[in-house]
Amino acid sequence: MANPAEEPDVNPPIREPQEEEEEEVEELNGDEEEEDDYEGEDDDDTESKSQTREGRSSVDRIKAESLFRRMRAAPVPVRVHDVIVKGNEKTKDHIIEAELEAAREATTLQELLEASRVANSNLRALDIFDSVNITLDSGPPELPGTTNVVIEVVESKSPLTGQIGVYTKAEARSSSIEASLKYKNIFGYGDIWDGSIVHGYDNSAEVALGMYLPRFRGLSTPFTSRLYLSTQDWLKFSSYKERSLGLSLGLLSSKYHELVYTIAWRNLIDPSRAASVSIRRQLGHNLLSALKYTFKFDQRNSYLRPTSGYAFISTSQIGGLAPDSRSLRFLKQEIDLRYAVPFGFYNAALNFGVSGGVSFPWGSGYQNRPSSVPERFFLGGNSSPLCSLGGPSALWGFKTRGLGPNEPKRKGDNERDFVGGDAAVTAFADLSFDLPVRWLRERGIHGHVFASAGNMTKLSENEFRNFTVPKFLETFRTSVGAGIVLPTSVFRMELNYCHILKKQEHDQARSGVCVTFSASS
């Protein structure tokens, strides 16, 4: 087996016959071999083998250099004759060959090498192989200018894997213990089956079973499904618990697009019996049947510390697709735009972003009906807006669900429920820079100064008639601050001093030192 990158000519044949290579080597070493004959038989074998190896190495090097010069000068024509799969004892051939579709259509060696690189990366991403090796071999001698793509895989020796860990959800100031078990490639279709259990210290919990198929009935995108039973505890912030039994189906998943359908039976309860009036009205069972489409384009050079590039995400959701009177009917749209501008000194960069969202019920009498609380927007949280790509959410200095429309709880005016808004807007600016200490720079520890602003309002139940832009801008919440950032491979930790410039009555925010933990979204 040989790589066409080592050959001087691709058309005619990519690989020269073995006899011709031997003749070339003999020509390069002919004089020395004649001298060896006169010296005697003792040293003939050893020196001949050494010279032959050196000759072959020299020939290969000359051929490779010649081909590289041709590739730099112009496209090198080549055609794929066949794709050969080796080493797959369980995995179906078509699952592997499907990743080589672009390679089959390649017309130049440059295109073929790039397609092979992408295919190698995609096959490794399936997470069912310990190793993947793609080589290019010469095609049949009677078909000049052709090559065979040879894929050698080593399937996972341990298809069953598991992990357990403790994780922190910064937005809700809570931690959880998570355990998962994953079985790979049971039926040979690249399928991955997993089960997980999550228990939070705030009494939240989830049990889920999932399945992943890289190819489903000839579709070019993966298919995923997940059956889950979950409990979310929002008693502290909004006086309700959310229990859901549902099924999520990933219908489309590509580099930029994602389409997910979710159907779930949901129940809102109030064990504390202290909920505000608007929360009490929504307690009970309902059916969530929603289709969610996401377009995401992210060209930033880092998720945790972007210094150049931009990102955009748009999420559209429609609920109420089931013909049931208890089905939640709503429309929801979110957008988020980010941009990072490098300054060229001290690795400084200015990141700024703006995000917005709106949610509104639809159907008969939609103007008079309230929106569903779980589908509303809630701002604040102990995380950085820099990492929360997806829609309006975090604001520096404001607690989780710590601002926006609120109502007194049943116990009295001193305690209030934050009931969320139907429209929300947030914006931030973050200037990051290296610190003048080499030890800190080598570990990625850097400084930043920041500012954030945001607001939300209610639109349902005819409240949109009272909405005005000047009033909305007048009640914006704002904060500024500075701090030290300690990035890791999986999350970003900030030690900040935050100053609240503007807040409204009943908002939960304070100036002072705070620590935030953020993972990229």
Protein backbone atom coordinates (compact mmCIF):
# COMPACT_ATOMS: atom_id res chain seq x y z
CA MET A 1 0.00 0.00 0.00
CA ALA A 2 1.33 3.40 -0.91
CA ASN A 3 0.26 6.96 -0.67
CA PRO A 4 -0.06 8.88 -3.96
CA ALA A 5 1.60 11.81 -2.23
CA GLU A 6 4.79 9.80 -2.52
CA GLU A 7 4.53 9.39 -6.33
CA PRO A 8 5.94 11.80 -8.95
CA ASP A 9 3.07 11.28 -11.39
CA VAL A 10 -0.63 10.84 -10.81
CA ASN A 11 -1.80 10.59 -14.45
CA PRO A 12 -0.71 8.19 -15.91
CA PRO A 13 -0.77 5.69 -13.09
CA ILE A 14 -0.54 6.97 -9.53
CA ARG A 15 1.70 4.13 -8.47
CA GLU A 16 4.53 2.80 -10.64
CA PRO A 17 4.88 -0.99 -10.96
CA GLN A 18 7.17 -2.56 -8.41
CA GLU A 19 9.57 -3.78 -11.11
CA GLU A 20 10.20 -0.25 -12.37
CA GLU A 21 10.97 0.99 -8.85
CA GLU A 22 13.49 -1.81 -8.42
CA GLU A 23 15.15 -0.93 -11.73
CA GLU A 24 15.46 2.72 -10.67
CA VAL A 25 17.05 1.70 -7.39
CA GLU A 26 19.48 -0.59 -9.22
CA GLU A 27 20.43 2.25 -11.57
CA LEU A 28 21.12 4.57 -8.63
CA ASN A 29 23.30 1.95 -6.89
CA GLY A 30 24.83 0.14 -9.90
CA ASP A 31 28.39 1.45 -9.55
CA GLU A 32 28.67 0.64 -5.86
CA GLU A 33 27.34 -2.89 -6.42
CA GLU A 34 29.95 -3.55 -9.12
CA GLU A 35 32.71 -2.44 -6.76
CA ASP A 36 31.34 -4.75 -4.07
CA ASP A 37 31.68 -7.74 -6.41
CA TYR A 38 35.43 -7.17 -6.63
CA GLU A 39 35.81 -6.82 -2.88
CA GLY A 40 34.36 -10.25 -2.13
CA GLU A 41 31.25 -12.05 -1.07
CA ASP A 42 31.53 -11.43 2.72
CA ASP A 43 30.37 -7.80 2.73
CA ASP A 44 28.22 -7.99 -0.38
CA ASP A 45 24.85 -8.80 1.26
CA THR A 46 25.07 -6.27 4.09
CA GLU A 47 26.20 -3.34 1.98
CA SER A 48 23.79 -4.17 -0.82
CA LYS A 49 20.79 -4.14 1.55
CA SER A 50 21.89 -0.86 3.10
CA GLN A 51 22.40 0.79 -0.26
CA THR A 52 19.08 -0.56 -1.52
CA ARG A 53 17.25 0.97 1.45
CA GLU A 54 19.03 4.27 0.97
CA GLY A 55 18.23 4.19 -2.73
CA ARG A 56 14.55 3.52 -2.15
CA SER A 57 14.40 6.28 0.43
CA SER A 58 16.02 8.69 -2.00
CA VAL A 59 13.61 7.70 -4.78
CA ASP A 60 10.59 8.14 -2.49
CA ARG A 61 11.86 11.52 -1.38
CA ILE A 62 12.39 12.67 -4.95
CA LYS A 63 8.91 11.47 -5.95
CA ALA A 64 7.25 13.17 -2.98
CA GLU A 65 9.06 16.46 -3.66
CA SER A 66 8.05 16.31 -7.30
CA LEU A 67 4.40 15.73 -6.42
CA PHE A 68 4.38 18.48 -3.82
CA ARG A 69 5.76 20.90 -6.42
CA ARG A 70 2.98 19.90 -8.80
CA MET A 71 0.34 20.34 -6.09
CA ARG A 72 1.59 23.82 -5.29
CA ALA A 73 1.69 24.78 -8.97
CA ALA A 74 -1.71 23.47 -10.08
CA PRO A 75 -4.46 20.96 -9.25
CA VAL A 76 -3.39 17.35 -9.71
CA PRO A 77 -6.18 15.37 -11.43
CA VAL A 78 -7.22 12.12 -9.79
CA ARG A 79 -10.34 9.96 -9.60
CA VAL A 80 -11.46 7.64 -6.81
CA HIS A 81 -11.88 4.09 -8.08
CA ASP A 82 -13.01 2.38 -4.89
CA VAL A 83 -13.45 2.81 -1.15
CA ILE A 84 -12.13 -0.11 0.89
CA VAL A 85 -13.11 -0.55 4.54
CA LYS A 86 -11.03 -2.69 6.90
CA GLY A 87 -11.18 -3.59 10.57
CA ASN A 88 -14.94 -3.19 11.12
CA GLU A 89 -16.15 -6.38 12.73
CA LYS A 90 -19.51 -4.97 13.91
CA THR A 91 -20.00 -1.60 12.22
CA LYS A 92 -21.84 -1.71 8.88
CA ASP A 93 -19.79 -0.69 5.84
CA HIS A 94 -22.30 1.91 4.68
CA ILE A 95 -22.05 3.80 7.99
CA ILE A 96 -18.32 4.31 7.36
CA GLU A 97 -18.56 4.81 3.59
CA ALA A 98 -21.21 7.51 4.07
CA GLU A 99 -18.54 9.82 5.47
CA LEU A 100 -16.54 9.45 2.21
CA GLU A 101 -19.21 10.79 -0.13
CA ALA A 102 -17.25 13.98 -0.72
CA ALA A 103 -14.09 11.98 -1.38
CA ARG A 104 -15.84 9.95 -4.10
CA GLU A 105 -16.72 13.15 -5.92
CA ALA A 106 -13.22 14.65 -5.69
CA THR A 107 -11.56 15.38 -9.05
CA THR A 108 -8.16 16.58 -7.82
CA LEU A 109 -5.69 15.24 -5.31
CA GLN A 110 -6.02 18.43 -3.28
CA GLU A 111 -9.80 17.95 -2.96
CA LEU A 112 -9.33 14.29 -2.09
CA LEU A 113 -6.85 15.02 0.69
CA GLU A 114 -9.17 17.63 2.24
CA ALA A 115 -12.21 15.33 1.97
CA SER A 116 -10.22 12.51 3.60
CA ARG A 117 -9.21 14.79 6.45
CA VAL A 118 -12.84 15.79 7.08
CA ALA A 119 -13.98 12.16 6.86
CA ASN A 120 -11.33 11.10 9.39
CA SER A 121 -12.53 13.79 11.79
CA ASN A 122 -16.19 12.81 11.33
CA LEU A 123 -15.50 9.11 11.89
CA ARG A 124 -13.63 9.85 15.10
CA ALA A 125 -16.54 12.04 16.23
CA LEU A 126 -18.86 9.01 16.05
CA ASP A 127 -17.14 7.89 19.26
CA ILE A 128 -17.28 4.19 18.34
CA PHE A 129 -13.68 3.75 17.14
CA ASP A 130 -10.43 3.71 19.07
CA SER A 131 -8.52 4.73 15.94
CA VAL A 132 -9.21 5.71 12.33
CA ASN A 133 -6.61 5.70 9.55
CA ILE A 134 -7.29 6.75 5.95
CA THR A 135 -4.70 6.09 3.24
CA LEU A 136 -4.68 6.53 -0.54
CA ASP A 137 -3.50 3.59 -2.62
CA SER A 138 -2.99 3.32 -6.37
CA GLY A 139 -5.89 2.16 -8.48
CA PRO A 140 -5.80 -0.69 -11.02
CA PRO A 141 -2.91 -0.44 -13.54
CA GLU A 142 -5.39 -0.51 -16.42
CA LEU A 143 -7.10 2.62 -15.01
CA PRO A 144 -4.48 5.37 -14.97
CA GLY A 145 -5.11 8.40 -12.78
CA THR A 146 -7.20 6.50 -10.22
CA THR A 147 -6.77 5.79 -6.54
CA ASN A 148 -8.37 3.61 -3.89
CA VAL A 149 -9.31 5.12 -0.54
CA VAL A 150 -8.53 2.64 2.23
CA ILE A 151 -10.15 3.15 5.63
CA GLU A 152 -8.76 1.13 8.53
CA VAL A 153 -10.67 1.36 11.80
CA VAL A 154 -10.24 -0.18 15.21
CA GLU A 155 -13.57 -0.53 16.99
CA SER A 156 -13.83 0.40 20.64
CA LYS A 157 -12.62 -2.40 22.88
CA SER A 158 -14.80 -1.12 25.71
CA PRO A 159 -18.21 -0.20 24.24
CA LEU A 160 -19.64 0.28 27.72
CA THR A 161 -18.54 3.47 29.47
CA GLY A 162 -19.77 5.37 32.48
CA GLN A 163 -19.00 8.46 34.47
CA ILE A 164 -20.11 10.22 37.62
CA GLY A 165 -19.42 13.74 38.79
CA VAL A 166 -20.52 16.77 40.74
CA TYR A 167 -21.49 19.82 38.71
CA THR A 168 -22.43 23.38 39.52
CA LYS A 169 -25.24 25.25 37.79
CA ALA A 170 -24.11 28.81 38.20
CA GLU A 171 -27.35 30.39 37.00
CA ALA A 172 -29.34 28.84 39.84
CA ARG A 173 -26.58 28.74 42.47
CA SER A 174 -27.04 24.99 42.83
CA SER A 175 -25.00 21.82 42.49
CA SER A 176 -25.91 18.35 41.35
CA ILE A 177 -24.61 14.80 41.24
CA GLU A 178 -24.78 13.28 37.76
CA ALA A 179 -24.18 9.68 36.71
CA SER A 180 -24.40 8.32 33.18
CA LEU A 181 -23.91 4.99 31.41
CA LYS A 182 -23.30 4.70 27.67
CA TYR A 183 -23.29 1.65 25.39
CA LYS A 184 -21.86 2.14 21.90
CA ASN A 185 -22.64 0.47 18.60
CA ILE A 186 -24.94 -2.31 19.83
CA PHE A 187 -26.45 -3.02 16.40
CA GLY A 188 -23.52 -1.90 14.24
CA TYR A 189 -25.18 1.28 12.94
CA GLY A 190 -23.01 3.63 14.99
CA ASP A 191 -25.86 3.76 17.49
CA ILE A 192 -25.16 5.05 20.98
CA TRP A 193 -27.54 4.29 23.85
CA ASP A 194 -27.22 6.11 27.13
CA GLY A 195 -28.93 6.49 30.47
CA SER A 196 -28.41 9.22 33.02
CA ILE A 197 -29.51 10.18 36.52
CA VAL A 198 -29.19 13.70 37.93
CA HIS A 199 -29.95 14.75 41.47
CA GLY A 200 -29.59 18.37 42.53
CA TYR A 201 -29.07 19.72 46.01
CA ASP A 202 -32.01 22.05 45.33
CA ASN A 203 -34.31 18.98 45.03
CA SER A 204 -34.25 19.00 41.22
CA ALA A 205 -33.85 15.61 39.54
CA GLU A 206 -33.90 13.93 36.14
CA VAL A 207 -33.86 10.38 34.82
CA ALA A 208 -33.34 10.01 31.08
CA LEU A 209 -32.78 7.40 28.37
CA GLY A 210 -31.35 8.45 25.02
CA MET A 211 -30.46 7.07 21.62
CA TYR A 212 -28.26 8.47 18.84
CA LEU A 213 -28.07 7.30 15.21
CA PRO A 214 -25.56 8.95 12.84
CA ARG A 215 -27.62 7.82 9.82
CA PHE A 216 -31.35 7.08 9.89
CA ARG A 217 -33.14 5.66 6.86
CA GLY A 218 -30.76 7.29 4.42
CA LEU A 219 -30.98 10.76 5.99
CA SER A 220 -27.75 12.74 5.85
CA THR A 221 -28.13 14.08 9.39
CA PRO A 222 -28.11 12.27 12.76
CA PHE A 223 -31.30 11.26 14.53
CA THR A 224 -31.61 11.51 18.32
CA SER A 225 -34.32 10.69 20.79
CA ARG A 226 -34.54 11.15 24.54
CA LEU A 227 -37.16 10.01 27.02
CA TYR A 228 -37.00 11.91 30.29
CA LEU A 229 -38.67 12.37 33.66
CA SER A 230 -37.58 15.59 35.37
CA THR A 231 -38.32 17.88 38.28
CA GLN A 232 -37.29 21.55 38.34
CA ASP A 233 -37.46 23.42 41.62
CA TRP A 234 -38.24 27.15 41.35
CA LEU A 235 -39.89 27.51 44.76
CA LYS A 236 -37.28 29.93 46.02
CA PHE A 237 -37.69 32.31 43.09
CA SER A 238 -41.21 31.84 41.72
CA SER A 239 -43.07 29.51 44.15
CA TYR A 240 -43.56 26.52 41.87
CA LYS A 241 -42.10 23.16 40.96
CA GLU A 242 -42.19 21.81 37.44
CA ARG A 243 -42.53 18.07 36.78
CA SER A 244 -42.29 16.75 33.23
CA LEU A 245 -42.53 13.40 31.49
CA GLY A 246 -41.55 13.83 27.88
CA LEU A 247 -39.95 12.67 24.66
CA SER A 248 -37.56 14.77 22.60
CA LEU A 249 -36.76 13.91 18.98
CA GLY A 250 -33.83 15.45 17.11
CA LEU A 251 -35.09 15.59 13.52
CA LEU A 252 -32.29 17.63 11.97
CA SER A 253 -28.77 18.35 13.11
CA SER A 254 -26.07 19.92 10.96
CA LYS A 255 -23.32 22.47 11.30
CA TYR A 256 -25.71 25.43 11.29
CA HIS A 257 -29.21 24.00 11.69
CA GLU A 258 -31.08 22.03 14.31
CA LEU A 259 -34.72 20.95 14.44
CA VAL A 260 -36.17 19.32 17.58
CA TYR A 261 -39.69 18.18 18.41
CA THR A 262 -40.68 17.81 22.06
CA ILE A 263 -43.83 16.40 23.54
CA ALA A 264 -44.20 16.37 27.33
CA TRP A 265 -46.87 16.08 29.99
CA ARG A 266 -46.10 18.86 32.46
CA ASN A 267 -47.38 19.58 35.94
CA LEU A 268 -46.82 22.77 37.95
CA ILE A 269 -47.26 22.46 41.71
CA ASP A 270 -46.79 24.68 44.77
CA PRO A 271 -45.92 22.62 47.88
CA SER A 272 -45.33 25.82 49.87
CA ARG A 273 -48.89 27.09 49.23
CA ALA A 274 -47.43 30.58 49.11
CA ALA A 275 -47.54 31.34 45.39
CA SER A 276 -48.70 34.68 44.06
CA VAL A 277 -52.01 35.02 42.23
CA SER A 278 -50.64 34.71 38.69
CA ILE A 279 -48.59 31.62 39.58
CA ARG A 280 -51.57 29.94 41.28
CA ARG A 281 -53.66 30.40 38.15
CA GLN A 282 -51.19 28.28 36.14
CA LEU A 283 -50.80 25.39 38.57
CA GLY A 284 -51.91 22.02 37.27
CA HIS A 285 -51.39 19.81 34.22
CA ASN A 286 -50.75 20.86 30.65
CA LEU A 287 -49.34 19.37 27.45
CA LEU A 288 -46.25 20.70 25.73
CA SER A 289 -46.08 19.84 22.02
CA ALA A 290 -43.52 22.11 20.39
CA LEU A 291 -41.23 22.31 17.38
CA LYS A 292 -37.99 24.23 17.84
CA TYR A 293 -35.67 25.38 15.05
CA THR A 294 -32.20 26.79 15.76
CA PHE A 295 -29.80 28.48 13.36
CA LYS A 296 -26.32 28.96 14.79
CA PHE A 297 -23.26 30.51 13.19
CA ASP A 298 -20.20 30.88 15.40
CA GLN A 299 -16.87 32.06 13.97
CA ARG A 300 -15.24 33.15 17.24
CA ASN A 301 -11.79 31.79 17.98
CA SER A 302 -12.78 30.77 21.52
CA TYR A 303 -15.99 30.21 23.46
CA LEU A 304 -14.57 31.18 26.86
CA ARG A 305 -12.28 34.07 25.82
CA PRO A 306 -13.06 35.29 22.30
CA THR A 307 -10.50 37.72 20.90
CA SER A 308 -11.77 37.80 17.30
CA GLY A 309 -14.74 36.69 15.23
CA TYR A 310 -18.48 36.87 15.56
CA ALA A 311 -21.46 34.64 16.36
CA PHE A 312 -25.18 34.68 15.69
CA ILE A 313 -27.95 32.41 16.89
CA SER A 314 -31.66 32.47 16.17
CA THR A 315 -34.19 30.19 17.85
CA SER A 316 -37.80 29.90 16.71
CA GLN A 317 -40.35 27.82 18.58
CA ILE A 318 -44.02 27.05 18.09
CA GLY A 319 -46.05 25.24 20.72
CA GLY A 320 -49.54 23.79 20.55
CA LEU A 321 -49.12 21.23 17.75
CA ALA A 322 -51.26 18.63 19.52
CA PRO A 323 -55.07 18.73 19.16
CA ASP A 324 -55.70 18.91 22.89
CA SER A 325 -57.38 21.69 24.87
CA ARG A 326 -54.59 21.52 27.46
CA SER A 327 -51.88 21.95 24.84
CA LEU A 328 -49.81 25.11 25.40
CA ARG A 329 -50.13 27.35 22.35
CA PHE A 330 -47.33 29.87 22.08
CA LEU A 331 -44.85 31.44 19.68
CA LYS A 332 -41.34 32.22 20.87
CA GLN A 333 -38.44 33.88 19.08
CA GLU A 334 -34.92 34.57 20.41
CA ILE A 335 -31.84 36.08 18.77
CA ASP A 336 -28.31 36.66 20.00
CA LEU A 337 -25.46 38.50 18.25
CA ARG A 338 -21.84 38.64 19.42
CA TYR A 339 -18.75 40.35 18.03
CA ALA A 340 -15.13 40.37 19.21
CA VAL A 341 -12.73 43.12 18.12
CA PRO A 342 -8.97 42.53 18.68
CA PHE A 343 -6.80 45.51 19.59
CA GLY A 344 -3.39 44.03 18.77
CA PHE A 345 -1.67 44.64 22.12
CA TYR A 346 -1.68 42.72 25.40
CA ASN A 347 -4.03 40.27 23.68
CA ALA A 348 -6.75 42.83 24.33
CA ALA A 349 -10.16 42.45 22.76
CA LEU A 350 -13.55 44.10 23.08
CA ASN A 351 -16.51 41.72 23.13
CA PHE A 352 -19.97 43.09 22.84
CA GLY A 353 -23.32 41.44 22.36
CA VAL A 354 -27.00 42.13 22.17
CA SER A 355 -29.83 39.63 22.54
CA GLY A 356 -33.59 39.76 22.58
CA GLY A 357 -36.64 37.57 22.72
CA VAL A 358 -40.40 37.61 22.64
CA SER A 359 -42.98 35.01 23.62
CA PHE A 360 -46.70 35.27 23.00
CA PRO A 361 -49.73 32.95 23.13
CA TRP A 362 -51.72 32.19 20.00
CA GLY A 363 -55.16 30.78 19.27
CA SER A 364 -58.68 31.89 20.08
CA GLY A 365 -58.70 34.82 22.52
CA TYR A 366 -54.89 34.94 22.64
CA GLN A 367 -54.84 38.65 23.54
CA ASN A 368 -56.62 38.04 26.81
CA ARG A 369 -54.80 34.84 27.83
CA PRO A 370 -51.61 34.80 29.92
CA SER A 371 -48.44 33.25 28.56
CA SER A 372 -47.12 30.04 30.12
CA VAL A 373 -44.70 30.78 32.98
CA PRO A 374 -42.04 28.21 31.93
CA GLU A 375 -41.93 29.77 28.45
CA ARG A 376 -41.34 33.30 29.74
CA PHE A 377 -37.98 35.05 30.03
CA PHE A 378 -36.10 35.36 33.32
CA LEU A 379 -32.98 37.49 33.67
CA GLY A 380 -30.09 37.46 36.14
CA GLY A 381 -27.92 34.68 37.42
CA ASN A 382 -24.47 33.98 38.74
CA SER A 383 -22.84 33.60 35.33
CA SER A 384 -21.13 35.68 32.65
CA PRO A 385 -23.16 37.02 29.68
CA LEU A 386 -20.04 36.40 27.59
CA CYS A 387 -20.60 32.64 27.74
CA SER A 388 -24.39 32.46 27.55
CA LEU A 389 -24.96 32.44 23.79
CA GLY A 390 -28.60 31.65 23.06
CA GLY A 391 -30.81 34.53 24.12
CA PRO A 392 -31.40 37.07 26.89
CA SER A 393 -30.47 35.60 30.29
CA ALA A 394 -27.53 36.75 32.44
CA LEU A 395 -26.72 40.17 33.87
CA TRP A 396 -23.69 40.87 36.05
CA GLY A 397 -24.63 41.67 39.63
CA PHE A 398 -28.27 40.50 39.50
CA LYS A 399 -29.35 37.29 41.20
CA THR A 400 -31.08 34.39 39.48
CA ARG A 401 -34.60 35.44 38.50
CA GLY A 402 -33.85 38.62 40.40
CA LEU A 403 -35.48 41.30 38.27
CA GLY A 404 -38.50 42.00 36.15
CA PRO A 405 -42.25 41.65 36.73
CA ASN A 406 -43.00 40.39 40.24
CA GLU A 407 -45.95 39.92 42.59
CA PRO A 408 -46.33 39.54 46.36
CA LYS A 409 -46.61 36.02 47.66
CA ARG A 410 -49.60 34.90 49.66
CA LYS A 411 -47.62 35.29 52.91
CA GLY A 412 -47.22 39.05 52.50
CA ASP A 413 -45.55 41.90 50.68
CA ASN A 414 -42.08 41.18 52.06
CA GLU A 415 -41.66 38.11 49.85
CA ARG A 416 -42.33 38.24 46.14
CA ASP A 417 -42.54 35.91 43.18
CA PHE A 418 -40.68 36.85 40.01
CA VAL A 419 -43.12 35.84 37.30
CA GLY A 420 -41.02 36.55 34.19
CA GLY A 421 -41.63 38.63 31.09
CA ASP A 422 -42.93 38.09 27.57
CA ALA A 423 -40.26 40.29 25.98
CA ALA A 424 -36.65 40.77 27.08
CA VAL A 425 -33.53 42.56 25.83
CA THR A 426 -29.97 42.42 27.17
CA ALA A 427 -26.65 43.91 26.07
CA PHE A 428 -23.09 43.78 27.35
CA ALA A 429 -19.55 44.94 26.62
CA ASP A 430 -16.43 43.22 27.94
CA LEU A 431 -12.84 44.45 27.48
CA SER A 432 -10.32 41.69 28.25
CA PHE A 433 -6.54 42.07 28.42
CA ASP A 434 -3.44 40.19 29.55
CA LEU A 435 -1.93 41.03 32.90
CA PRO A 436 1.71 42.24 33.10
CA VAL A 437 2.87 39.08 34.89
CA ARG A 438 4.35 36.27 32.79
CA TRP A 439 3.26 33.50 35.16
CA LEU A 440 -0.38 34.64 34.86
CA ARG A 441 -0.24 35.04 31.08
CA GLU A 442 1.12 31.52 30.61
CA ARG A 443 -1.89 30.15 32.47
CA GLY A 444 -4.43 32.25 30.60
CA ILE A 445 -5.34 34.31 33.68
CA HIS A 446 -6.32 37.79 32.52
CA GLY A 447 -8.22 40.90 33.54
CA HIS A 448 -11.41 42.45 32.21
CA VAL A 449 -13.72 45.41 32.67
CA PHE A 450 -17.37 45.10 31.76
CA ALA A 451 -20.80 46.68 31.56
CA SER A 452 -24.23 45.09 31.12
CA ALA A 453 -27.81 46.25 30.72
CA GLY A 454 -31.17 44.59 30.30
CA ASN A 455 -34.89 44.74 30.83
CA MET A 456 -38.08 42.78 30.25
CA THR A 457 -41.78 43.41 30.27
CA LYS A 458 -45.17 41.73 30.08
CA LEU A 459 -47.12 41.71 26.79
CA SER A 460 -49.84 39.10 27.29
CA GLU A 461 -53.30 39.74 28.77
CA ASN A 462 -53.56 42.94 26.72
CA GLU A 463 -50.51 44.47 28.40
CA PHE A 464 -48.94 45.07 24.98
CA ARG A 465 -51.36 48.02 24.65
CA ASN A 466 -49.53 49.76 27.50
CA PHE A 467 -46.05 49.13 26.10
CA THR A 468 -43.99 52.15 25.01
CA VAL A 469 -40.33 52.24 24.01
CA PRO A 470 -39.43 55.29 26.17
CA LYS A 471 -40.90 53.65 29.27
CA PHE A 472 -39.11 50.39 28.49
CA LEU A 473 -35.75 52.16 28.12
CA GLU A 474 -36.34 54.20 31.26
CA THR A 475 -36.59 51.09 33.43
CA PHE A 476 -33.43 49.40 32.06
CA ARG A 477 -31.15 47.79 34.67
CA THR A 478 -27.41 48.48 34.31
CA SER A 479 -24.19 47.39 36.01
CA VAL A 480 -20.43 47.85 35.54
CA GLY A 481 -17.37 46.26 37.06
CA ALA A 482 -13.90 44.77 36.74
CA GLY A 483 -12.24 41.54 37.71
CA ILE A 484 -9.83 38.67 37.16
CA VAL A 485 -10.71 35.75 34.90
CA LEU A 486 -9.40 32.22 35.49
CA PRO A 487 -10.26 30.12 32.42
CA THR A 488 -10.08 26.33 32.27
CA SER A 489 -10.74 23.86 29.47
CA VAL A 490 -14.40 23.45 30.49
CA PHE A 491 -15.52 26.59 32.34
CA ARG A 492 -14.69 30.21 33.07
CA MET A 493 -14.33 31.54 36.61
CA GLU A 494 -14.49 35.24 37.35
CA LEU A 495 -13.57 37.10 40.54
CA ASN A 496 -15.31 40.45 40.02
CA TYR A 497 -16.20 43.65 41.74
CA CYS A 498 -19.60 44.68 40.39
CA HIS A 499 -21.33 48.02 40.86
CA ILE A 500 -25.08 48.32 40.21
CA LEU A 501 -25.78 51.59 38.39
CA LYS A 502 -29.52 51.24 38.06
CA LYS A 503 -32.15 48.85 39.37
CA GLN A 504 -35.88 48.93 40.07
CA GLU A 505 -37.89 48.33 43.20
CA HIS A 506 -37.85 44.73 44.43
CA ASP A 507 -34.90 43.79 42.18
CA GLN A 508 -32.44 41.45 43.86
CA ALA A 509 -29.03 42.95 43.11
CA ARG A 510 -26.13 44.35 45.09
CA SER A 511 -22.77 45.99 44.54
CA GLY A 512 -19.68 44.19 45.79
CA VAL A 513 -17.34 41.27 45.20
CA CYS A 514 -18.80 38.21 43.53
CA VAL A 515 -17.54 34.97 41.98
CA THR A 516 -19.12 33.58 38.81
CA PHE A 517 -18.73 30.22 37.08
CA SER A 518 -19.71 29.91 33.45
CA ALA A 519 -19.60 27.14 30.88
CA SER A 520 -19.89 27.82 27.17
CA SER A 521 -23.40 27.34 25.79
